[in-house]
C-alpha cells in the first residue's frame, strides 16, 4: 500500500481529482487530495497566500501520513511539491510532476512560463493588481485546460475556478541538491497541453532530469480527460 498526496494547480482545488482518486483507492492505496490555502473550507485571503504557505501545508499533510508518500503536483503544484521536498525530503518516496512546472533553485513560475508559444494562459489571464490575483477568462478555460474533456466535466470544472495569488506565481523556489534534489523525480508529460506546451515541458525536464518520463496524449487535465490512463501511470510508480 502507498500513500498518494495530490496537489492541484493554479485556480483549481482538490475537486479536480474526483475521477482519479477512486481509481487509486480501489487498488488499496491511500489518497490525500489537498486544498491549498484559499480553497475549499480554507478562508485564507489572497494577500496571505504565498508559496511557502502552500509548501508548509503540503508538509503537514506529508508528515501526517504513516509512510513516505508519493507526492504528485499538477501545473503550479510542481512548484509547491518542489518547495515541500526541501522541507521534508525523507518523508517523500517519489515526486511526480504531472504536466507541471519543474523549477531549479531560484526559478519562479513566472520565469518558467516565459517563451511558451504554445500556451494560452497569458493571453487569457485577467489580472487584478489591487487584489494581487489573477484568473483565466471563463470563455477561454475549456481551450486552455480542458480541450479533451467531455461537456459534463468542462461544465463542472470551469465553474469552480478561484483567483490565484500573483505572489505565488512570482516567487522563486529555494532548494538544495542535498534535500529536494535527493528525492526521486518522475514526469508525466501531456502532448496536447495548451497551458504548458509540450516543448516547455520537455525543456524543463531536460534542464532538471527525471528518472523516468511517462506520456499521455491529452490536454492539461488528464485527471478529467484520461483518468484511467493517469491512474495506471501513477499506480505503476507504486509498484
Protein backbone atom coordinates (compact mmCIF):
# COMPACT_ATOMS: atom_id res chain seq x y z
CA UNK A 1 0.00 0.00 0.00
CA UNK A 2 1.17 3.51 -0.81
CA UNK A 3 0.01 6.98 0.18
CA UNK A 4 -0.55 9.49 -2.61
CA UNK A 5 -0.69 13.19 -1.77
CA UNK A 6 -2.20 15.12 -4.68
CA UNK A 7 -1.52 18.84 -5.12
CA UNK A 8 -3.64 20.78 -7.61
CA UNK A 9 -2.58 23.67 -9.82
CA UNK A 10 -3.43 27.35 -10.05
CA UNK A 11 -7.10 28.39 -9.95
CA UNK A 12 -8.09 24.80 -9.12
CA UNK A 13 -8.86 22.86 -5.95
CA UNK A 14 -8.97 19.29 -4.68
CA UNK A 15 -12.16 18.81 -6.69
CA UNK A 16 -10.08 18.26 -9.82
CA UNK A 17 -9.03 14.78 -8.62
CA UNK A 18 -12.58 13.44 -8.17
CA UNK A 19 -12.36 10.96 -11.06
CA UNK A 20 -8.78 9.87 -10.34
CA UNK A 21 -8.83 9.33 -6.58
CA UNK A 22 -11.35 6.42 -6.57
CA UNK A 23 -9.27 4.54 -9.15
CA UNK A 24 -6.20 4.66 -6.92
CA UNK A 25 -8.15 3.86 -3.75
CA UNK A 26 -9.68 0.84 -5.47
CA UNK A 27 -6.19 -0.68 -5.61
CA UNK A 28 -5.85 -0.41 -1.83
CA UNK A 29 -3.87 2.82 -1.64
CA UNK A 30 -4.47 5.94 0.44
CA UNK A 31 -5.22 9.21 -1.36
CA UNK A 32 -4.98 12.65 0.23
CA UNK A 33 -6.17 15.38 -2.17
CA UNK A 34 -5.00 18.72 -0.77
CA UNK A 35 -6.88 22.00 -0.93
CA UNK A 36 -4.20 24.71 -0.95
CA UNK A 37 -4.86 27.91 1.05
CA UNK A 38 -7.86 29.86 -0.20
CA UNK A 39 -9.71 26.78 -1.47
CA UNK A 40 -12.46 24.62 -0.10
CA UNK A 41 -13.21 25.50 3.51
CA UNK A 42 -9.98 27.47 3.91
CA UNK A 43 -10.60 31.21 4.17
CA UNK A 44 -7.02 32.44 3.75
CA UNK A 45 -7.18 35.83 1.99
CA UNK A 46 -5.25 36.28 -1.23
CA UNK A 47 -2.90 38.73 0.50
CA UNK A 48 -1.69 35.84 2.71
CA UNK A 49 -1.43 33.19 0.01
CA UNK A 50 2.29 32.53 -0.54
CA UNK A 51 4.41 29.75 -1.98
CA UNK A 52 5.91 28.91 1.41
CA UNK A 53 2.43 28.68 2.98
CA UNK A 54 1.41 26.31 0.22
CA UNK A 55 4.53 24.21 0.83
CA UNK A 56 4.04 24.25 4.61
CA UNK A 57 0.50 22.96 4.24
CA UNK A 58 1.72 20.14 2.00
CA UNK A 59 4.49 19.40 4.53
CA UNK A 60 1.86 18.95 7.25
CA UNK A 61 -0.10 16.52 5.12
CA UNK A 62 3.06 14.58 4.29
CA UNK A 63 4.03 14.34 7.95
CA UNK A 64 0.58 13.07 8.89
CA UNK A 65 0.99 10.05 6.61
CA UNK A 66 2.14 6.76 8.07
CA UNK A 67 4.87 6.28 5.47
CA UNK A 68 6.88 8.25 2.90
CA UNK A 69 4.43 9.47 0.27
CA UNK A 70 4.15 9.63 -3.49
CA UNK A 71 3.77 13.38 -3.91
CA UNK A 72 2.01 14.45 -7.11
CA UNK A 73 1.94 18.07 -8.29
CA UNK A 74 -0.08 19.33 -11.24
CA UNK A 75 0.86 22.55 -13.05
CA UNK A 76 1.64 25.18 -10.37
CA UNK A 77 1.58 22.24 -7.96
CA UNK A 78 5.01 21.36 -9.34
CA UNK A 79 6.39 24.50 -7.71
CA UNK A 80 4.69 23.57 -4.44
CA UNK A 81 5.91 19.98 -4.27
CA UNK A 82 9.44 21.12 -5.13
CA UNK A 83 9.48 23.54 -2.19
CA UNK A 84 7.84 20.95 0.08
CA UNK A 85 10.57 18.46 -0.84
CA UNK A 86 13.14 20.88 0.54
CA UNK A 87 11.28 20.86 3.86
CA UNK A 88 10.75 17.10 4.32
CA UNK A 89 12.82 15.15 1.77
CA UNK A 90 12.95 11.96 3.82
CA UNK A 91 9.17 11.80 4.06
CA UNK A 92 8.75 11.70 0.27
CA UNK A 93 9.33 8.47 -1.66
CA UNK A 94 8.72 9.93 -5.12
CA UNK A 95 7.96 13.32 -6.65
CA UNK A 96 5.63 13.19 -9.65
CA UNK A 97 5.35 16.24 -11.90
CA UNK A 98 2.05 15.95 -13.77
CA UNK A 99 2.38 18.29 -16.75
CA UNK A 100 3.78 20.60 -14.11
CA UNK A 101 6.33 23.33 -13.65
CA UNK A 102 9.67 21.78 -12.73
CA UNK A 103 11.92 24.50 -11.31
CA UNK A 104 15.57 24.66 -10.50
CA UNK A 105 16.74 26.66 -7.50
CA UNK A 106 15.87 30.34 -7.86
CA UNK A 107 13.26 29.91 -10.58
CA UNK A 108 9.66 31.12 -10.30
CA UNK A 109 6.61 30.00 -12.24
CA UNK A 110 6.54 33.39 -13.92
CA UNK A 111 10.09 32.88 -15.20
CA UNK A 112 9.47 29.29 -16.30
CA UNK A 113 6.37 30.20 -18.27
CA UNK A 114 8.16 32.76 -20.44
CA UNK A 115 8.68 31.87 -24.07
CA UNK A 116 5.97 29.20 -24.13
CA UNK A 117 4.44 30.00 -27.51
CA UNK A 118 2.00 27.07 -27.40
CA UNK A 119 0.47 28.12 -24.10
CA UNK A 120 -2.76 30.11 -23.97
CA UNK A 121 -2.59 31.14 -20.31
CA UNK A 122 -1.02 34.60 -20.50
CA UNK A 123 -3.25 35.82 -23.33
CA UNK A 124 -6.37 34.85 -21.37
CA UNK A 125 -5.31 35.88 -17.87
CA UNK A 126 -7.26 38.60 -16.10
CA UNK A 127 -5.07 40.36 -13.53
CA UNK A 128 -6.34 42.28 -10.53
CA UNK A 129 -3.31 44.25 -9.33
CA UNK A 130 -5.16 45.82 -6.41
CA UNK A 131 -6.19 42.39 -5.10
CA UNK A 132 -2.89 40.78 -6.11
CA UNK A 133 -4.63 38.00 -8.01
CA UNK A 134 -5.27 36.54 -11.43
CA UNK A 135 -7.82 34.27 -13.06
CA UNK A 136 -8.38 32.84 -16.52
CA UNK A 137 -11.27 34.33 -18.50
CA UNK A 138 -14.19 31.94 -18.25
CA UNK A 139 -14.76 31.76 -22.00
CA UNK A 140 -11.19 30.50 -22.52
CA UNK A 141 -11.00 27.89 -19.77
CA UNK A 142 -12.07 24.97 -21.92
CA UNK A 143 -9.49 25.69 -24.62
CA UNK A 144 -6.72 26.34 -22.09
CA UNK A 145 -7.30 23.45 -19.68
CA UNK A 146 -9.97 21.00 -20.84
CA UNK A 147 -9.73 20.61 -24.61
CA UNK A 148 -10.06 16.80 -24.50
CA UNK A 149 -12.70 16.67 -21.75
CA UNK A 150 -16.39 15.91 -22.22
CA UNK A 151 -19.01 18.62 -21.84
CA UNK A 152 -20.11 17.45 -18.40
CA UNK A 153 -16.59 17.63 -16.97
CA UNK A 154 -15.96 21.01 -18.58
CA UNK A 155 -19.12 22.46 -17.04
CA UNK A 156 -18.15 21.00 -13.67
CA UNK A 157 -14.62 22.41 -13.81
CA UNK A 158 -14.94 25.89 -15.29
CA UNK A 159 -17.45 26.99 -12.65
CA UNK A 160 -15.09 26.07 -9.80
CA UNK A 161 -12.08 28.24 -10.63
CA UNK A 162 -10.94 30.68 -7.95
CA UNK A 163 -8.45 33.60 -8.11
CA UNK A 164 -4.78 32.71 -7.74
CA UNK A 165 -2.20 34.76 -5.88
CA UNK A 166 0.23 36.73 -8.04
CA UNK A 167 2.76 36.44 -5.22
CA UNK A 168 2.78 32.65 -5.54
CA UNK A 169 3.32 32.86 -9.29
CA UNK A 170 6.19 35.31 -8.90
CA UNK A 171 8.06 33.66 -6.01
CA UNK A 172 11.14 31.54 -6.81
CA UNK A 173 11.72 28.21 -5.11
CA UNK A 174 14.67 27.87 -2.75
CA UNK A 175 16.05 24.35 -2.84
CA UNK A 176 19.30 22.44 -2.43
CA UNK A 177 20.72 19.32 -4.05
CA UNK A 178 21.15 17.75 -0.62
CA UNK A 179 17.44 17.99 0.26
CA UNK A 180 14.92 18.49 -2.56
CA UNK A 181 17.47 17.30 -5.09
CA UNK A 182 17.85 13.97 -3.31
CA UNK A 183 14.22 12.88 -3.90
CA UNK A 184 13.43 10.67 -6.90
CA UNK A 185 11.65 12.59 -9.67
CA UNK A 186 9.25 11.42 -12.37
CA UNK A 187 7.48 13.47 -15.04
CA UNK A 188 4.17 12.83 -16.80
CA UNK A 189 4.00 14.90 -19.98
CA UNK A 190 0.78 15.72 -21.81
CA UNK A 191 1.11 16.15 -25.56
CA UNK A 192 -1.94 18.36 -26.21
CA UNK A 193 -1.45 20.72 -23.28
CA UNK A 194 -2.37 24.35 -24.05
CA UNK A 195 -1.47 25.65 -20.57
CA UNK A 196 2.11 24.34 -20.55
CA UNK A 197 3.15 23.47 -24.08
CA UNK A 198 4.88 20.15 -24.68
CA UNK A 199 8.07 21.92 -25.79
CA UNK A 200 8.17 23.79 -22.47
CA UNK A 201 7.53 20.60 -20.52
CA UNK A 202 10.44 18.91 -22.27
CA UNK A 203 12.72 21.89 -21.81
CA UNK A 204 12.07 21.84 -18.05
CA UNK A 205 12.72 18.14 -17.52
CA UNK A 206 15.69 18.43 -19.86
CA UNK A 207 17.19 21.07 -17.57
CA UNK A 208 16.30 19.12 -14.40
CA UNK A 209 16.27 15.48 -15.48
CA UNK A 210 13.80 12.98 -14.08
CA UNK A 211 14.29 9.28 -13.52
CA UNK A 212 11.54 8.47 -15.99
CA UNK A 213 9.15 10.34 -18.29
CA UNK A 214 5.66 8.98 -18.98
CA UNK A 215 3.40 10.30 -21.74
CA UNK A 216 -0.34 10.86 -22.12
CA UNK A 217 -1.77 12.13 -25.41
CA UNK A 218 -4.19 14.61 -23.89
CA UNK A 219 -4.79 18.11 -22.55
CA UNK A 220 -3.67 19.87 -19.37
CA UNK A 221 -6.20 17.96 -17.25
CA UNK A 222 -5.63 14.21 -17.60
CA UNK A 223 -7.34 13.64 -14.24
CA UNK A 224 -10.59 14.52 -16.07
CA UNK A 225 -9.85 13.62 -19.70
CA UNK A 226 -7.82 10.40 -19.19
CA UNK A 227 -8.27 9.34 -15.53
CA UNK A 228 -7.75 5.61 -16.15
CA UNK A 229 -4.54 6.15 -18.10
CA UNK A 230 -3.25 8.57 -15.49
CA UNK A 231 -4.15 6.17 -12.68
CA UNK A 232 -2.25 3.37 -14.40
CA UNK A 233 0.85 5.54 -14.66
CA UNK A 234 0.67 6.55 -11.01
CA UNK A 235 -0.01 3.01 -9.84
CA UNK A 236 3.00 1.76 -11.81
CA UNK A 237 5.23 4.04 -9.74
CA UNK A 238 3.99 2.47 -6.50
CA UNK A 239 4.99 -0.97 -7.80
